[in-house]
Amino acid sequence: CYLYPTSGGNARPVPGMLAGELPTGWDADGRSIYVYRPGELPAHIVRVELSSGKRTPWKAVEPSDPTGVDSLRGLLLSRDTKTYAFGYIRLLSDLYLVEGLK
């Protein structure tokens, strides 16, 4: 993930962001972003300060019933950080045990 200056110039990588993480929202002051690693359940959202790269755990989110859910998709965070939304795929199946067959 890169930061692109609106006044022009070269893009620079986001300090403190780890490989495989995706941005999910900006902090209201514009000095931090929130990131998460897709494929984890629960999804651990981390606040990353853009000036220093300092990482602060913010929140772990998952569906209220995580049964059959492998990961979250499209995690989005509102600018005031009071609301978030995500999607997921749930895969449920039945397993039958049959005994005594000849």
PDB file of N, CA and C in Angstrom:
ATOM      1  N   CYS A   1       0.855  -1.162   0.000  1.00  0.00           N
ATOM      2  CA  CYS A   1       0.000   0.000   0.000  1.00  0.00           C
ATOM      3  C   CYS A   1       0.906   1.231   0.000  1.00  0.00           C
ATOM      4  N   TYR A   2       0.543   2.210  -0.787  1.00  0.00           N
ATOM      5  CA  TYR A   2       1.356   3.411  -0.935  1.00  0.00           C
ATOM      6  C   TYR A   2       0.530   4.659  -0.663  1.00  0.00           C
ATOM      7  N   LEU A   3       1.216   5.705  -0.228  1.00  0.00           N
ATOM      8  CA  LEU A   3       0.614   7.023  -0.073  1.00  0.00           C
ATOM      9  C   LEU A   3       1.048   7.873  -1.254  1.00  0.00           C
ATOM     10  N   TYR A   4       0.093   8.524  -1.887  1.00  0.00           N
ATOM     11  CA  TYR A   4       0.371   9.374  -3.039  1.00  0.00           C
ATOM     12  C   TYR A   4       0.079  10.822  -2.650  1.00  0.00           C
ATOM     13  N   PRO A   5       1.083  11.691  -2.670  1.00  0.00           N
ATOM     14  CA  PRO A   5       0.844  13.092  -2.300  1.00  0.00           C
ATOM     15  C   PRO A   5      -0.059  13.792  -3.324  1.00  0.00           C
ATOM     16  N   THR A   6      -1.037  14.537  -2.858  1.00  0.00           N
ATOM     17  CA  THR A   6      -1.953  15.225  -3.753  1.00  0.00           C
ATOM     18  C   THR A   6      -1.275  16.392  -4.463  1.00  0.00           C
ATOM     19  N   SER A   7      -0.168  16.873  -3.920  1.00  0.00           N
ATOM     20  CA  SER A   7       0.556  17.991  -4.540  1.00  0.00           C
ATOM     21  C   SER A   7       1.563  17.505  -5.581  1.00  0.00           C
ATOM     22  N   GLY A   8       1.571  16.189  -5.820  1.00  0.00           N
ATOM     23  CA  GLY A   8       2.527  15.615  -6.762  1.00  0.00           C
ATOM     24  C   GLY A   8       3.724  15.039  -6.030  1.00  0.00           C
ATOM     25  N   GLY A   9       4.550  14.360  -6.758  1.00  0.00           N
ATOM     26  CA  GLY A   9       5.717  13.742  -6.137  1.00  0.00           C
ATOM     27  C   GLY A   9       5.597  12.232  -6.142  1.00  0.00           C
ATOM     28  N   ASN A  10       6.585  11.613  -5.571  1.00  0.00           N
ATOM     29  CA  ASN A  10       6.656  10.155  -5.572  1.00  0.00           C
ATOM     30  C   ASN A  10       5.781   9.529  -4.490  1.00  0.00           C
ATOM     31  N   ALA A  11       5.255   8.378  -4.813  1.00  0.00           N
ATOM     32  CA  ALA A  11       4.498   7.602  -3.829  1.00  0.00           C
ATOM     33  C   ALA A  11       5.483   7.013  -2.827  1.00  0.00           C
ATOM     34  N   ARG A  12       5.005   6.811  -1.604  1.00  0.00           N
ATOM     35  CA  ARG A  12       5.853   6.173  -0.599  1.00  0.00           C
ATOM     36  C   ARG A  12       5.058   5.086   0.106  1.00  0.00           C
ATOM     37  N   PRO A  13       5.747   3.991   0.474  1.00  0.00           N
ATOM     38  CA  PRO A  13       5.034   2.917   1.170  1.00  0.00           C
ATOM     39  C   PRO A  13       4.536   3.392   2.532  1.00  0.00           C
ATOM     40  N   VAL A  14       3.448   2.793   2.990  1.00  0.00           N
ATOM     41  CA  VAL A  14       2.913   3.108   4.312  1.00  0.00           C
ATOM     42  C   VAL A  14       3.829   2.471   5.347  1.00  0.00           C
ATOM     43  N   PRO A  15       4.456   3.279   6.211  1.00  0.00           N
ATOM     44  CA  PRO A  15       5.344   2.713   7.219  1.00  0.00           C
ATOM     45  C   PRO A  15       4.550   1.909   8.248  1.00  0.00           C
ATOM     46  N   GLY A  16       5.072   0.774   8.643  1.00  0.00           N
ATOM     47  CA  GLY A  16       4.416  -0.043   9.666  1.00  0.00           C
ATOM     48  C   GLY A  16       3.392  -1.020   9.143  1.00  0.00           C
ATOM     49  N   MET A  17       3.065  -0.932   7.877  1.00  0.00           N
ATOM     50  CA  MET A  17       2.094  -1.865   7.291  1.00  0.00           C
ATOM     51  C   MET A  17       2.830  -3.134   6.883  1.00  0.00           C
ATOM     52  N   LEU A  18       2.291  -4.286   7.235  1.00  0.00           N
ATOM     53  CA  LEU A  18       2.940  -5.568   6.970  1.00  0.00           C
ATOM     54  C   LEU A  18       2.448  -6.183   5.664  1.00  0.00           C
ATOM     55  N   ALA A  19       3.275  -7.034   5.092  1.00  0.00           N
ATOM     56  CA  ALA A  19       2.911  -7.727   3.851  1.00  0.00           C
ATOM     57  C   ALA A  19       1.615  -8.509   4.066  1.00  0.00           C
ATOM     58  N   GLY A  20       0.726  -8.428   3.107  1.00  0.00           N
ATOM     59  CA  GLY A  20      -0.543  -9.155   3.177  1.00  0.00           C
ATOM     60  C   GLY A  20      -1.667  -8.385   3.840  1.00  0.00           C
ATOM     61  N   GLU A  21      -1.379  -7.254   4.470  1.00  0.00           N
ATOM     62  CA  GLU A  21      -2.432  -6.464   5.102  1.00  0.00           C
ATOM     63  C   GLU A  21      -3.107  -5.557   4.075  1.00  0.00           C
ATOM     64  N   LEU A  22      -4.374  -5.254   4.336  1.00  0.00           N
ATOM     65  CA  LEU A  22      -5.146  -4.349   3.479  1.00  0.00           C
ATOM     66  C   LEU A  22      -5.648  -3.177   4.304  1.00  0.00           C
ATOM     67  N   PRO A  23      -5.689  -1.988   3.717  1.00  0.00           N
ATOM     68  CA  PRO A  23      -6.281  -0.858   4.443  1.00  0.00           C
ATOM     69  C   PRO A  23      -7.797  -1.005   4.475  1.00  0.00           C
ATOM     70  N   THR A  24      -8.391  -0.591   5.587  1.00  0.00           N
ATOM     71  CA  THR A  24      -9.835  -0.689   5.715  1.00  0.00           C
ATOM     72  C   THR A  24     -10.492   0.649   6.016  1.00  0.00           C
ATOM     73  N   GLY A  25      -9.698   1.657   6.388  1.00  0.00           N
ATOM     74  CA  GLY A  25     -10.266   2.974   6.654  1.00  0.00           C
ATOM     75  C   GLY A  25      -9.237   3.931   7.201  1.00  0.00           C
ATOM     76  N   TRP A  26      -9.571   5.208   7.122  1.00  0.00           N
ATOM     77  CA  TRP A  26      -8.738   6.284   7.646  1.00  0.00           C
ATOM     78  C   TRP A  26      -9.244   6.687   9.015  1.00  0.00           C
ATOM     79  N   ASP A  27      -8.345   7.146   9.856  1.00  0.00           N
ATOM     80  CA  ASP A  27      -8.718   7.751  11.124  1.00  0.00           C
ATOM     81  C   ASP A  27      -9.294   9.140  10.819  1.00  0.00           C
ATOM     82  N   ALA A  28     -10.147   9.655  11.678  1.00  0.00           N
ATOM     83  CA  ALA A  28     -10.800  10.942  11.432  1.00  0.00           C
ATOM     84  C   ALA A  28      -9.799  12.078  11.266  1.00  0.00           C
ATOM     85  N   ASP A  29      -8.654  12.003  11.939  1.00  0.00           N
ATOM     86  CA  ASP A  29      -7.663  13.077  11.838  1.00  0.00           C
ATOM     87  C   ASP A  29      -6.778  12.959  10.595  1.00  0.00           C
ATOM     88  N   GLY A  30      -6.891  11.843   9.862  1.00  0.00           N
ATOM     89  CA  GLY A  30      -6.112  11.656   8.644  1.00  0.00           C
ATOM     90  C   GLY A  30      -4.657  11.299   8.880  1.00  0.00           C
ATOM     91  N   ARG A  31      -4.272  11.070  10.135  1.00  0.00           N
ATOM     92  CA  ARG A  31      -2.876  10.773  10.445  1.00  0.00           C
ATOM     93  C   ARG A  31      -2.613   9.286  10.647  1.00  0.00           C
ATOM     94  N   SER A  32      -3.653   8.476  10.571  1.00  0.00           N
ATOM     95  CA  SER A  32      -3.510   7.033  10.760  1.00  0.00           C
ATOM     96  C   SER A  32      -4.456   6.314   9.815  1.00  0.00           C
ATOM     97  N   ILE A  33      -4.122   5.064   9.524  1.00  0.00           N
ATOM     98  CA  ILE A  33      -5.040   4.206   8.792  1.00  0.00           C
ATOM     99  C   ILE A  33      -5.267   2.942   9.612  1.00  0.00           C
ATOM    100  N   TYR A  34      -6.342   2.265   9.295  1.00  0.00           N
ATOM    101  CA  TYR A  34      -6.651   0.986   9.921  1.00  0.00           C
ATOM    102  C   TYR A  34      -6.432  -0.104   8.879  1.00  0.00           C
ATOM    103  N   VAL A  35      -5.792  -1.180   9.297  1.00  0.00           N
ATOM    104  CA  VAL A  35      -5.474  -2.276   8.386  1.00  0.00           C
ATOM    105  C   VAL A  35      -5.888  -3.599   9.016  1.00  0.00           C
ATOM    106  N   TYR A  36      -6.057  -4.612   8.173  1.00  0.00           N
ATOM    107  CA  TYR A  36      -6.331  -5.962   8.647  1.00  0.00           C
ATOM    108  C   TYR A  36      -5.744  -6.940   7.653  1.00  0.00           C
ATOM    109  N   ARG A  37      -5.615  -8.180   8.081  1.00  0.00           N
ATOM    110  CA  ARG A  37      -5.093  -9.236   7.216  1.00  0.00           C
ATOM    111  C   ARG A  37      -6.258 -10.128   6.804  1.00  0.00           C
ATOM    112  N   PRO A  38      -6.633 -10.094   5.493  1.00  0.00           N
ATOM    113  CA  PRO A  38      -7.728 -10.956   5.054  1.00  0.00           C
ATOM    114  C   PRO A  38      -7.367 -12.423   5.255  1.00  0.00           C
ATOM    115  N   GLY A  39      -8.368 -13.217   5.552  1.00  0.00           N
ATOM    116  CA  GLY A  39      -8.142 -14.647   5.754  1.00  0.00           C
ATOM    117  C   GLY A  39      -8.071 -15.031   7.218  1.00  0.00           C
ATOM    118  N   GLU A  40      -8.024 -14.066   8.113  1.00  0.00           N
ATOM    119  CA  GLU A  40      -7.989 -14.375   9.549  1.00  0.00           C
ATOM    120  C   GLU A  40      -9.390 -14.254  10.133  1.00  0.00           C
ATOM    121  N   LEU A  41      -9.674 -15.102  11.094  1.00  0.00           N
ATOM    122  CA  LEU A  41     -10.942 -15.033  11.816  1.00  0.00           C
ATOM    123  C   LEU A  41     -10.672 -15.308  13.281  1.00  0.00           C
ATOM    124  N   PRO A  42     -10.926 -14.375  14.176  1.00  0.00           N
ATOM    125  CA  PRO A  42     -11.469 -13.057  13.891  1.00  0.00           C
ATOM    126  C   PRO A  42     -10.459 -12.196  13.139  1.00  0.00           C
ATOM    127  N   ALA A  43     -10.980 -11.149  12.498  1.00  0.00           N
ATOM    128  CA  ALA A  43     -10.118 -10.189  11.804  1.00  0.00           C
ATOM    129  C   ALA A  43      -9.611  -9.196  12.840  1.00  0.00           C
ATOM    130  N   HIS A  44      -8.308  -9.082  12.963  1.00  0.00           N
ATOM    131  CA  HIS A  44      -7.691  -8.161  13.917  1.00  0.00           C
ATOM    132  C   HIS A  44      -7.370  -6.858  13.198  1.00  0.00           C
ATOM    133  N   ILE A  45      -8.059  -5.794  13.590  1.00  0.00           N
ATOM    134  CA  ILE A  45      -7.849  -4.484  12.975  1.00  0.00           C
ATOM    135  C   ILE A  45      -6.799  -3.741  13.788  1.00  0.00           C
ATOM    136  N   VAL A  46      -5.841  -3.157  13.080  1.00  0.00           N
ATOM    137  CA  VAL A  46      -4.720  -2.460  13.712  1.00  0.00           C
ATOM    138  C   VAL A  46      -4.688  -1.025  13.202  1.00  0.00           C
ATOM    139  N   ARG A  47      -4.457  -0.084  14.112  1.00  0.00           N
ATOM    140  CA  ARG A  47      -4.290   1.328  13.741  1.00  0.00           C
ATOM    141  C   ARG A  47      -2.806   1.564  13.485  1.00  0.00           C
ATOM    142  N   VAL A  48      -2.474   2.137  12.326  1.00  0.00           N
ATOM    143  CA  VAL A  48      -1.081   2.397  11.954  1.00  0.00           C
ATOM    144  C   VAL A  48      -0.898   3.900  11.767  1.00  0.00           C
ATOM    145  N   GLU A  49      -0.002   4.492  12.571  1.00  0.00           N
ATOM    146  CA  GLU A  49       0.295   5.915  12.437  1.00  0.00           C
ATOM    147  C   GLU A  49       1.172   6.123  11.205  1.00  0.00           C
ATOM    148  N   LEU A  50       0.773   7.048  10.335  1.00  0.00           N
ATOM    149  CA  LEU A  50       1.483   7.258   9.078  1.00  0.00           C
ATOM    150  C   LEU A  50       2.842   7.923   9.263  1.00  0.00           C
ATOM    151  N   SER A  51       3.012   8.707  10.315  1.00  0.00           N
ATOM    152  CA  SER A  51       4.281   9.409  10.513  1.00  0.00           C
ATOM    153  C   SER A  51       5.371   8.494  11.062  1.00  0.00           C
ATOM    154  N   SER A  52       4.979   7.557  11.931  1.00  0.00           N
ATOM    155  CA  SER A  52       5.983   6.734  12.618  1.00  0.00           C
ATOM    156  C   SER A  52       5.902   5.246  12.285  1.00  0.00           C
ATOM    157  N   GLY A  53       4.754   4.791  11.780  1.00  0.00           N
ATOM    158  CA  GLY A  53       4.567   3.366  11.553  1.00  0.00           C
ATOM    159  C   GLY A  53       4.160   2.616  12.812  1.00  0.00           C
ATOM    160  N   LYS A  54       3.913   3.345  13.907  1.00  0.00           N
ATOM    161  CA  LYS A  54       3.510   2.703  15.169  1.00  0.00           C
ATOM    162  C   LYS A  54       2.193   1.971  14.967  1.00  0.00           C
ATOM    163  N   ARG A  55       2.161   0.723  15.442  1.00  0.00           N
ATOM    164  CA  ARG A  55       0.996  -0.143  15.308  1.00  0.00           C
ATOM    165  C   ARG A  55       0.310  -0.289  16.661  1.00  0.00           C
ATOM    166  N   THR A  56      -1.016  -0.080  16.671  1.00  0.00           N
ATOM    167  CA  THR A  56      -1.798  -0.225  17.892  1.00  0.00           C
ATOM    168  C   THR A  56      -3.000  -1.113  17.596  1.00  0.00           C
ATOM    169  N   PRO A  57      -3.122  -2.268  18.267  1.00  0.00           N
ATOM    170  CA  PRO A  57      -4.322  -3.098  18.067  1.00  0.00           C
ATOM    171  C   PRO A  57      -5.573  -2.285  18.395  1.00  0.00           C
ATOM    172  N   TRP A  58      -6.590  -2.397  17.542  1.00  0.00           N
ATOM    173  CA  TRP A  58      -7.808  -1.627  17.749  1.00  0.00           C
ATOM    174  C   TRP A  58      -8.990  -2.511  18.120  1.00  0.00           C
ATOM    175  N   LYS A  59      -9.295  -3.491  17.285  1.00  0.00           N
ATOM    176  CA  LYS A  59     -10.482  -4.307  17.535  1.00  0.00           C
ATOM    177  C   LYS A  59     -10.379  -5.613  16.754  1.00  0.00           C
ATOM    178  N   ALA A  60     -10.938  -6.670  17.313  1.00  0.00           N
ATOM    179  CA  ALA A  60     -11.080  -7.950  16.608  1.00  0.00           C
ATOM    180  C   ALA A  60     -12.555  -8.122  16.280  1.00  0.00           C
ATOM    181  N   VAL A  61     -12.870  -8.388  15.018  1.00  0.00           N
ATOM    182  CA  VAL A  61     -14.267  -8.512  14.610  1.00  0.00           C
ATOM    183  C   VAL A  61     -14.508  -9.858  13.936  1.00  0.00           C
ATOM    184  N   GLU A  62     -15.712 -10.364  14.132  1.00  0.00           N
ATOM    185  CA  GLU A  62     -16.154 -11.600  13.494  1.00  0.00           C
ATOM    186  C   GLU A  62     -17.669 -11.654  13.561  1.00  0.00           C
ATOM    187  N   PRO A  63     -18.305 -12.503  12.759  1.00  0.00           N
ATOM    188  CA  PRO A  63     -19.762 -12.634  12.848  1.00  0.00           C
ATOM    189  C   PRO A  63     -20.167 -13.108  14.247  1.00  0.00           C
ATOM    190  N   SER A  64     -21.389 -12.790  14.651  1.00  0.00           N
ATOM    191  CA  SER A  64     -21.849 -13.208  15.979  1.00  0.00           C
ATOM    192  C   SER A  64     -21.862 -14.728  16.102  1.00  0.00           C
ATOM    193  N   ASP A  65     -22.094 -15.428  14.997  1.00  0.00           N
ATOM    194  CA  ASP A  65     -21.990 -16.883  14.970  1.00  0.00           C
ATOM    195  C   ASP A  65     -20.969 -17.256  13.893  1.00  0.00           C
ATOM    196  N   PRO A  66     -19.720 -17.540  14.278  1.00  0.00           N
ATOM    197  CA  PRO A  66     -18.681 -17.819  13.286  1.00  0.00           C
ATOM    198  C   PRO A  66     -18.677 -19.250  12.743  1.00  0.00           C
ATOM    199  N   THR A  67     -19.677 -20.044  13.115  1.00  0.00           N
ATOM    200  CA  THR A  67     -19.732 -21.425  12.643  1.00  0.00           C
ATOM    201  C   THR A  67     -19.723 -21.490  11.122  1.00  0.00           C
ATOM    202  N   GLY A  68     -18.778 -22.213  10.552  1.00  0.00           N
ATOM    203  CA  GLY A  68     -18.699 -22.402   9.117  1.00  0.00           C
ATOM    204  C   GLY A  68     -18.098 -21.242   8.341  1.00  0.00           C
ATOM    205  N   VAL A  69     -17.663 -20.190   9.036  1.00  0.00           N
ATOM    206  CA  VAL A  69     -17.075 -19.024   8.373  1.00  0.00           C
ATOM    207  C   VAL A  69     -15.562 -19.179   8.405  1.00  0.00           C
ATOM    208  N   ASP A  70     -14.921 -19.041   7.237  1.00  0.00           N
ATOM    209  CA  ASP A  70     -13.466 -19.196   7.215  1.00  0.00           C
ATOM    210  C   ASP A  70     -12.733 -17.870   7.290  1.00  0.00           C
ATOM    211  N   SER A  71     -13.314 -16.793   6.761  1.00  0.00           N
ATOM    212  CA  SER A  71     -12.684 -15.474   6.829  1.00  0.00           C
ATOM    213  C   SER A  71     -13.694 -14.404   6.436  1.00  0.00           C
ATOM    214  N   LEU A  72     -13.347 -13.154   6.727  1.00  0.00           N
ATOM    215  CA  LEU A  72     -14.192 -12.025   6.362  1.00  0.00           C
ATOM    216  C   LEU A  72     -13.758 -11.479   5.016  1.00  0.00           C
ATOM    217  N   ARG A  73     -14.677 -10.855   4.322  1.00  0.00           N
ATOM    218  CA  ARG A  73     -14.406 -10.259   3.021  1.00  0.00           C
ATOM    219  C   ARG A  73     -14.845  -8.794   3.035  1.00  0.00           C
ATOM    220  N   GLY A  74     -14.069  -7.943   2.436  1.00  0.00           N
ATOM    221  CA  GLY A  74     -14.477  -6.551   2.248  1.00  0.00           C
ATOM    222  C   GLY A  74     -14.751  -5.799   3.524  1.00  0.00           C
ATOM    223  N   LEU A  75     -13.872  -5.894   4.494  1.00  0.00           N
ATOM    224  CA  LEU A  75     -14.045  -5.181   5.759  1.00  0.00           C
ATOM    225  C   LEU A  75     -13.873  -3.684   5.535  1.00  0.00           C
ATOM    226  N   LEU A  76     -14.876  -2.904   5.905  1.00  0.00           N
ATOM    227  CA  LEU A  76     -14.862  -1.450   5.745  1.00  0.00           C
ATOM    228  C   LEU A  76     -15.137  -0.782   7.071  1.00  0.00           C
ATOM    229  N   LEU A  77     -14.455   0.319   7.315  1.00  0.00           N
ATOM    230  CA  LEU A  77     -14.562   1.054   8.572  1.00  0.00           C
ATOM    231  C   LEU A  77     -14.982   2.480   8.269  1.00  0.00           C
ATOM    232  N   SER A  78     -15.949   3.006   9.034  1.00  0.00           N
ATOM    233  CA  SER A  78     -16.383   4.389   8.822  1.00  0.00           C
ATOM    234  C   SER A  78     -15.311   5.361   9.302  1.00  0.00           C
ATOM    235  N   ARG A  79     -15.374   6.577   8.810  1.00  0.00           N
ATOM    236  CA  ARG A  79     -14.358   7.592   9.134  1.00  0.00           C
ATOM    237  C   ARG A  79     -14.311   7.899  10.630  1.00  0.00           C
ATOM    238  N   ASP A  80     -15.459   7.840  11.311  1.00  0.00           N
ATOM    239  CA  ASP A  80     -15.471   8.116  12.756  1.00  0.00           C
ATOM    240  C   ASP A  80     -15.171   6.864  13.586  1.00  0.00           C
ATOM    241  N   THR A  81     -14.906   5.756  12.936  1.00  0.00           N
ATOM    242  CA  THR A  81     -14.561   4.457  13.553  1.00  0.00           C
ATOM    243  C   THR A  81     -15.644   3.912  14.477  1.00  0.00           C
ATOM    244  N   LYS A  82     -16.857   4.406  14.351  1.00  0.00           N
ATOM    245  CA  LYS A  82     -17.949   3.896  15.180  1.00  0.00           C
ATOM    246  C   LYS A  82     -18.717   2.773  14.494  1.00  0.00           C
ATOM    247  N   THR A  83     -18.531   2.632  13.200  1.00  0.00           N
ATOM    248  CA  THR A  83     -19.275   1.647  12.431  1.00  0.00           C
ATOM    249  C   THR A  83     -18.338   0.893  11.507  1.00  0.00           C
ATOM    250  N   TYR A  84     -18.588  -0.396  11.383  1.00  0.00           N
ATOM    251  CA  TYR A  84     -17.839  -1.190  10.409  1.00  0.00           C
ATOM    252  C   TYR A  84     -18.784  -2.185   9.763  1.00  0.00           C
ATOM    253  N   ALA A  85     -18.402  -2.641   8.593  1.00  0.00           N
ATOM    254  CA  ALA A  85     -19.222  -3.609   7.859  1.00  0.00           C
ATOM    255  C   ALA A  85     -18.290  -4.610   7.190  1.00  0.00           C
ATOM    256  N   PHE A  86     -18.789  -5.818   7.016  1.00  0.00           N
ATOM    257  CA  PHE A  86     -18.004  -6.847   6.334  1.00  0.00           C
ATOM    258  C   PHE A  86     -18.941  -7.896   5.774  1.00  0.00           C
ATOM    259  N   GLY A  87     -18.420  -8.670   4.849  1.00  0.00           N
ATOM    260  CA  GLY A  87     -19.154  -9.801   4.308  1.00  0.00           C
ATOM    261  C   GLY A  87     -18.401 -11.076   4.637  1.00  0.00           C
ATOM    262  N   TYR A  88     -19.069 -12.190   4.464  1.00  0.00           N
ATOM    263  CA  TYR A  88     -18.424 -13.481   4.689  1.00  0.00           C
ATOM    264  C   TYR A  88     -19.218 -14.560   3.980  1.00  0.00           C
ATOM    265  N   ILE A  89     -18.580 -15.683   3.794  1.00  0.00           N
ATOM    266  CA  ILE A  89     -19.244 -16.854   3.221  1.00  0.00           C
ATOM    267  C   ILE A  89     -19.298 -17.921   4.295  1.00  0.00           C
ATOM    268  N   ARG A  90     -20.472 -18.494   4.466  1.00  0.00           N
ATOM    269  CA  ARG A  90     -20.658 -19.551   5.461  1.00  0.00           C
ATOM    270  C   ARG A  90     -20.874 -20.868   4.716  1.00  0.00           C
ATOM    271  N   LEU A  91     -20.113 -21.866   5.072  1.00  0.00           N
ATOM    272  CA  LEU A  91     -20.247 -23.183   4.452  1.00  0.00           C
ATOM    273  C   LEU A  91     -20.589 -24.185   5.545  1.00  0.00           C
ATOM    274  N   LEU A  92     -21.809 -24.690   5.486  1.00  0.00           N
ATOM    275  CA  LEU A  92     -22.275 -25.690   6.443  1.00  0.00           C
ATOM    276  C   LEU A  92     -22.628 -26.968   5.700  1.00  0.00           C
ATOM    277  N   SER A  93     -22.433 -28.092   6.332  1.00  0.00           N
ATOM    278  CA  SER A  93     -22.799 -29.368   5.723  1.00  0.00           C
ATOM    279  C   SER A  93     -23.195 -30.345   6.820  1.00  0.00           C
ATOM    280  N   ASP A  94     -23.719 -31.493   6.416  1.00  0.00           N
ATOM    281  CA  ASP A  94     -24.111 -32.536   7.358  1.00  0.00           C
ATOM    282  C   ASP A  94     -23.205 -33.742   7.161  1.00  0.00           C
ATOM    283  N   LEU A  95     -22.881 -34.378   8.252  1.00  0.00           N
ATOM    284  CA  LEU A  95     -22.074 -35.597   8.211  1.00  0.00           C
ATOM    285  C   LEU A  95     -22.910 -36.697   8.842  1.00  0.00           C
ATOM    286  N   TYR A  96     -23.071 -37.796   8.128  1.00  0.00           N
ATOM    287  CA  TYR A  96     -23.853 -38.917   8.627  1.00  0.00           C
ATOM    288  C   TYR A  96     -22.924 -40.086   8.890  1.00  0.00           C
ATOM    289  N   LEU A  97     -23.145 -40.769   9.999  1.00  0.00           N
ATOM    290  CA  LEU A  97     -22.375 -41.973  10.341  1.00  0.00           C
ATOM    291  C   LEU A  97     -23.315 -43.157  10.215  1.00  0.00           C
ATOM    292  N   VAL A  98     -22.957 -44.084   9.364  1.00  0.00           N
ATOM    293  CA  VAL A  98     -23.757 -45.285   9.160  1.00  0.00           C
ATOM    294  C   VAL A  98     -22.962 -46.452   9.687  1.00  0.00           C
ATOM    295  N   GLU A  99     -23.550 -47.227  10.561  1.00  0.00           N
ATOM    296  CA  GLU A  99     -22.876 -48.393  11.136  1.00  0.00           C
ATOM    297  C   GLU A  99     -23.650 -49.659  10.807  1.00  0.00           C
ATOM    298  N   GLY A 100     -22.955 -50.772  10.819  1.00  0.00           N
ATOM    299  CA  GLY A 100     -23.586 -52.064  10.670  1.00  0.00           C
ATOM    300  C   GLY A 100     -23.878 -52.476   9.231  1.00  0.00           C
ATOM    301  N   LEU A 101     -23.335 -51.831   8.248  1.00  0.00           N
ATOM    302  CA  LEU A 101     -23.531 -52.247   6.852  1.00  0.00           C
ATOM    303  C   LEU A 101     -22.650 -53.442   6.520  1.00  0.00           C
ATOM    304  N   LYS A 102     -23.143 -54.330   5.673  1.00  0.00           N
ATOM    305  CA  LYS A 102     -22.374 -55.499   5.268  1.00  0.00           C
ATOM    306  C   LYS A 102     -22.231 -55.538   3.786  1.00  0.00           C
TER     307      LYS A 102
END
